[in-house]
Amino acid sequence: MAREDRDYAEYFYDMLSEYGVDVGDGLSDAEFKQLIRKQYKKVKDIAKGDLW
């Protein structure tokens, strides 16, 4: 993703750092994977519009 658009990659990394990793402590592997997919979808939805 960083090769395609650095802003989106940084946003996704920030999202993982703030919400994914900390929230994932109590989740099963399947639940964590679902969380990551949900966050990635949010980033892709932003890609349809303007990040800023």
PDB file of N, CA and C in Angstrom:
ATOM      1  N   MET A   1       0.827  -1.182   0.000  1.00  0.00           N
ATOM      2  CA  MET A   1       0.000   0.000   0.000  1.00  0.00           C
ATOM      3  C   MET A   1       0.879   1.255   0.000  1.00  0.00           C
ATOM      4  N   ALA A   2       2.010   1.200   0.660  1.00  0.00           N
ATOM      5  CA  ALA A   2       2.886   2.377   0.733  1.00  0.00           C
ATOM      6  C   ALA A   2       3.384   2.787  -0.646  1.00  0.00           C
ATOM      7  N   ARG A   3       3.546   1.829  -1.534  1.00  0.00           N
ATOM      8  CA  ARG A   3       3.991   2.152  -2.893  1.00  0.00           C
ATOM      9  C   ARG A   3       2.913   2.888  -3.671  1.00  0.00           C
ATOM     10  N   GLU A   4       1.653   2.558  -3.388  1.00  0.00           N
ATOM     11  CA  GLU A   4       0.541   3.169  -4.108  1.00  0.00           C
ATOM     12  C   GLU A   4       0.267   4.586  -3.619  1.00  0.00           C
ATOM     13  N   ASP A   5       0.175   4.766  -2.315  1.00  0.00           N
ATOM     14  CA  ASP A   5      -0.123   6.085  -1.759  1.00  0.00           C
ATOM     15  C   ASP A   5       0.350   6.133  -0.311  1.00  0.00           C
ATOM     16  N   ARG A   6       1.364   6.889  -0.070  1.00  0.00           N
ATOM     17  CA  ARG A   6       1.973   6.953   1.261  1.00  0.00           C
ATOM     18  C   ARG A   6       0.998   7.487   2.313  1.00  0.00           C
ATOM     19  N   ASP A   7       0.154   8.454   1.957  1.00  0.00           N
ATOM     20  CA  ASP A   7      -0.806   9.003   2.920  1.00  0.00           C
ATOM     21  C   ASP A   7      -1.766   7.933   3.424  1.00  0.00           C
ATOM     22  N   TYR A   8      -2.285   7.123   2.517  1.00  0.00           N
ATOM     23  CA  TYR A   8      -3.194   6.050   2.919  1.00  0.00           C
ATOM     24  C   TYR A   8      -2.471   5.017   3.773  1.00  0.00           C
ATOM     25  N   ALA A   9      -1.254   4.686   3.412  1.00  0.00           N
ATOM     26  CA  ALA A   9      -0.475   3.719   4.180  1.00  0.00           C
ATOM     27  C   ALA A   9      -0.231   4.233   5.594  1.00  0.00           C
ATOM     28  N   GLU A  10       0.116   5.499   5.724  1.00  0.00           N
ATOM     29  CA  GLU A  10       0.347   6.076   7.046  1.00  0.00           C
ATOM     30  C   GLU A  10      -0.944   6.121   7.854  1.00  0.00           C
ATOM     31  N   TYR A  11      -2.051   6.463   7.204  1.00  0.00           N
ATOM     32  CA  TYR A  11      -3.340   6.488   7.890  1.00  0.00           C
ATOM     33  C   TYR A  11      -3.703   5.093   8.394  1.00  0.00           C
ATOM     34  N   PHE A  12      -3.527   4.087   7.553  1.00  0.00           N
ATOM     35  CA  PHE A  12      -3.838   2.714   7.940  1.00  0.00           C
ATOM     36  C   PHE A  12      -2.930   2.272   9.085  1.00  0.00           C
ATOM     37  N   TYR A  13      -1.651   2.613   9.025  1.00  0.00           N
ATOM     38  CA  TYR A  13      -0.720   2.272  10.100  1.00  0.00           C
ATOM     39  C   TYR A  13      -1.153   2.939  11.405  1.00  0.00           C
ATOM     40  N   ASP A  14      -1.534   4.219  11.338  1.00  0.00           N
ATOM     41  CA  ASP A  14      -2.001   4.924  12.533  1.00  0.00           C
ATOM     42  C   ASP A  14      -3.251   4.269  13.094  1.00  0.00           C
ATOM     43  N   MET A  15      -4.156   3.879  12.216  1.00  0.00           N
ATOM     44  CA  MET A  15      -5.381   3.220  12.646  1.00  0.00           C
ATOM     45  C   MET A  15      -5.064   1.907  13.363  1.00  0.00           C
ATOM     46  N   LEU A  16      -4.139   1.132  12.804  1.00  0.00           N
ATOM     47  CA  LEU A  16      -3.738  -0.114  13.448  1.00  0.00           C
ATOM     48  C   LEU A  16      -3.099   0.155  14.799  1.00  0.00           C
ATOM     49  N   SER A  17      -2.246   1.148  14.857  1.00  0.00           N
ATOM     50  CA  SER A  17      -1.546   1.473  16.098  1.00  0.00           C
ATOM     51  C   SER A  17      -2.506   1.929  17.187  1.00  0.00           C
ATOM     52  N   GLU A  18      -3.468   2.758  16.813  1.00  0.00           N
ATOM     53  CA  GLU A  18      -4.379   3.314  17.799  1.00  0.00           C
ATOM     54  C   GLU A  18      -5.514   2.371  18.176  1.00  0.00           C
ATOM     55  N   TYR A  19      -6.039   1.640  17.206  1.00  0.00           N
ATOM     56  CA  TYR A  19      -7.237   0.844  17.453  1.00  0.00           C
ATOM     57  C   TYR A  19      -7.026  -0.658  17.296  1.00  0.00           C
ATOM     58  N   GLY A  20      -6.249  -1.072  16.332  1.00  0.00           N
ATOM     59  CA  GLY A  20      -6.121  -2.492  16.033  1.00  0.00           C
ATOM     60  C   GLY A  20      -5.285  -3.279  17.010  1.00  0.00           C
ATOM     61  N   VAL A  21      -4.085  -2.832  17.282  1.00  0.00           N
ATOM     62  CA  VAL A  21      -3.174  -3.596  18.121  1.00  0.00           C
ATOM     63  C   VAL A  21      -3.656  -3.630  19.560  1.00  0.00           C
ATOM     64  N   ASP A  22      -4.012  -2.484  20.111  1.00  0.00           N
ATOM     65  CA  ASP A  22      -4.466  -2.435  21.499  1.00  0.00           C
ATOM     66  C   ASP A  22      -5.783  -3.174  21.690  1.00  0.00           C
ATOM     67  N   VAL A  23      -6.688  -3.003  20.773  1.00  0.00           N
ATOM     68  CA  VAL A  23      -7.989  -3.653  20.865  1.00  0.00           C
ATOM     69  C   VAL A  23      -7.851  -5.160  20.661  1.00  0.00           C
ATOM     70  N   GLY A  24      -6.861  -5.566  19.891  1.00  0.00           N
ATOM     71  CA  GLY A  24      -6.695  -6.970  19.547  1.00  0.00           C
ATOM     72  C   GLY A  24      -6.199  -7.858  20.660  1.00  0.00           C
ATOM     73  N   ASP A  25      -5.779  -7.282  21.783  1.00  0.00           N
ATOM     74  CA  ASP A  25      -5.243  -8.095  22.873  1.00  0.00           C
ATOM     75  C   ASP A  25      -6.222  -9.150  23.360  1.00  0.00           C
ATOM     76  N   GLY A  26      -7.490  -8.808  23.470  1.00  0.00           N
ATOM     77  CA  GLY A  26      -8.470  -9.741  23.997  1.00  0.00           C
ATOM     78  C   GLY A  26      -9.231 -10.519  22.936  1.00  0.00           C
ATOM     79  N   LEU A  27      -8.854 -10.362  21.674  1.00  0.00           N
ATOM     80  CA  LEU A  27      -9.591 -10.999  20.586  1.00  0.00           C
ATOM     81  C   LEU A  27      -8.947 -12.308  20.157  1.00  0.00           C
ATOM     82  N   SER A  28      -9.775 -13.191  19.642  1.00  0.00           N
ATOM     83  CA  SER A  28      -9.253 -14.410  19.031  1.00  0.00           C
ATOM     84  C   SER A  28      -8.613 -14.039  17.697  1.00  0.00           C
ATOM     85  N   ASP A  29      -7.905 -14.968  17.107  1.00  0.00           N
ATOM     86  CA  ASP A  29      -7.279 -14.703  15.808  1.00  0.00           C
ATOM     87  C   ASP A  29      -8.321 -14.325  14.757  1.00  0.00           C
ATOM     88  N   ALA A  30      -9.443 -15.045  14.751  1.00  0.00           N
ATOM     89  CA  ALA A  30     -10.500 -14.769  13.773  1.00  0.00           C
ATOM     90  C   ALA A  30     -11.110 -13.386  14.000  1.00  0.00           C
ATOM     91  N   GLU A  31     -11.342 -13.034  15.255  1.00  0.00           N
ATOM     92  CA  GLU A  31     -11.907 -11.721  15.566  1.00  0.00           C
ATOM     93  C   GLU A  31     -10.926 -10.599  15.211  1.00  0.00           C
ATOM     94  N   PHE A  32      -9.636 -10.837  15.470  1.00  0.00           N
ATOM     95  CA  PHE A  32      -8.620  -9.844  15.136  1.00  0.00           C
ATOM     96  C   PHE A  32      -8.547  -9.648  13.627  1.00  0.00           C
ATOM     97  N   LYS A  33      -8.609 -10.745  12.883  1.00  0.00           N
ATOM     98  CA  LYS A  33      -8.584 -10.663  11.423  1.00  0.00           C
ATOM     99  C   LYS A  33      -9.792  -9.878  10.915  1.00  0.00           C
ATOM    100  N   GLN A  34     -10.947 -10.103  11.520  1.00  0.00           N
ATOM    101  CA  GLN A  34     -12.151  -9.376  11.133  1.00  0.00           C
ATOM    102  C   GLN A  34     -11.992  -7.878  11.423  1.00  0.00           C
ATOM    103  N   LEU A  35     -11.389  -7.546  12.555  1.00  0.00           N
ATOM    104  CA  LEU A  35     -11.147  -6.148  12.899  1.00  0.00           C
ATOM    105  C   LEU A  35     -10.237  -5.481  11.879  1.00  0.00           C
ATOM    106  N   ILE A  36      -9.166  -6.161  11.502  1.00  0.00           N
ATOM    107  CA  ILE A  36      -8.233  -5.618  10.522  1.00  0.00           C
ATOM    108  C   ILE A  36      -8.937  -5.406   9.182  1.00  0.00           C
ATOM    109  N   ARG A  37      -9.764  -6.364   8.785  1.00  0.00           N
ATOM    110  CA  ARG A  37     -10.509  -6.214   7.525  1.00  0.00           C
ATOM    111  C   ARG A  37     -11.450  -5.016   7.571  1.00  0.00           C
ATOM    112  N   LYS A  38     -12.110  -4.826   8.716  1.00  0.00           N
ATOM    113  CA  LYS A  38     -13.025  -3.700   8.875  1.00  0.00           C
ATOM    114  C   LYS A  38     -12.261  -2.378   8.762  1.00  0.00           C
ATOM    115  N   GLN A  39     -11.102  -2.313   9.403  1.00  0.00           N
ATOM    116  CA  GLN A  39     -10.303  -1.095   9.345  1.00  0.00           C
ATOM    117  C   GLN A  39      -9.771  -0.860   7.934  1.00  0.00           C
ATOM    118  N   TYR A  40      -9.365  -1.919   7.259  1.00  0.00           N
ATOM    119  CA  TYR A  40      -8.876  -1.784   5.888  1.00  0.00           C
ATOM    120  C   TYR A  40      -9.995  -1.294   4.970  1.00  0.00           C
ATOM    121  N   LYS A  41     -11.211  -1.815   5.183  1.00  0.00           N
ATOM    122  CA  LYS A  41     -12.356  -1.367   4.388  1.00  0.00           C
ATOM    123  C   LYS A  41     -12.595   0.126   4.601  1.00  0.00           C
ATOM    124  N   LYS A  42     -12.430   0.586   5.838  1.00  0.00           N
ATOM    125  CA  LYS A  42     -12.601   2.006   6.130  1.00  0.00           C
ATOM    126  C   LYS A  42     -11.597   2.841   5.335  1.00  0.00           C
ATOM    127  N   VAL A  43     -10.367   2.361   5.258  1.00  0.00           N
ATOM    128  CA  VAL A  43      -9.339   3.053   4.481  1.00  0.00           C
ATOM    129  C   VAL A  43      -9.702   3.044   3.003  1.00  0.00           C
ATOM    130  N   LYS A  44     -10.176   1.913   2.499  1.00  0.00           N
ATOM    131  CA  LYS A  44     -10.563   1.824   1.088  1.00  0.00           C
ATOM    132  C   LYS A  44     -11.737   2.753   0.788  1.00  0.00           C
ATOM    133  N   ASP A  45     -12.666   2.886   1.733  1.00  0.00           N
ATOM    134  CA  ASP A  45     -13.787   3.807   1.543  1.00  0.00           C
ATOM    135  C   ASP A  45     -13.295   5.245   1.448  1.00  0.00           C
ATOM    136  N   ILE A  46     -12.297   5.578   2.244  1.00  0.00           N
ATOM    137  CA  ILE A  46     -11.702   6.911   2.175  1.00  0.00           C
ATOM    138  C   ILE A  46     -11.064   7.117   0.810  1.00  0.00           C
ATOM    139  N   ALA A  47     -10.511   6.059   0.254  1.00  0.00           N
ATOM    140  CA  ALA A  47      -9.843   6.149  -1.046  1.00  0.00           C
ATOM    141  C   ALA A  47     -10.815   6.573  -2.151  1.00  0.00           C
ATOM    142  N   LYS A  48     -12.088   6.309  -1.950  1.00  0.00           N
ATOM    143  CA  LYS A  48     -13.086   6.717  -2.937  1.00  0.00           C
ATOM    144  C   LYS A  48     -13.270   8.230  -2.947  1.00  0.00           C
ATOM    145  N   GLY A  49     -12.950   8.863  -1.805  1.00  0.00           N
ATOM    146  CA  GLY A  49     -13.073  10.315  -1.697  1.00  0.00           C
ATOM    147  C   GLY A  49     -11.704  10.929  -1.473  1.00  0.00           C
ATOM    148  N   ASP A  50     -11.703  11.995  -0.734  1.00  0.00           N
ATOM    149  CA  ASP A  50     -10.460  12.703  -0.451  1.00  0.00           C
ATOM    150  C   ASP A  50     -10.040  12.418   0.986  1.00  0.00           C
ATOM    151  N   LEU A  51      -8.786  12.080   1.189  1.00  0.00           N
ATOM    152  CA  LEU A  51      -8.282  11.769   2.527  1.00  0.00           C
ATOM    153  C   LEU A  51      -8.366  12.980   3.433  1.00  0.00           C
ATOM    154  N   TRP A  52      -8.058  14.135   2.929  1.00  0.00           N
ATOM    155  CA  TRP A  52      -8.044  15.342   3.757  1.00  0.00           C
ATOM    156  C   TRP A  52      -9.324  16.067   3.528  1.00  0.00           C
TER     157      TRP A  52
END
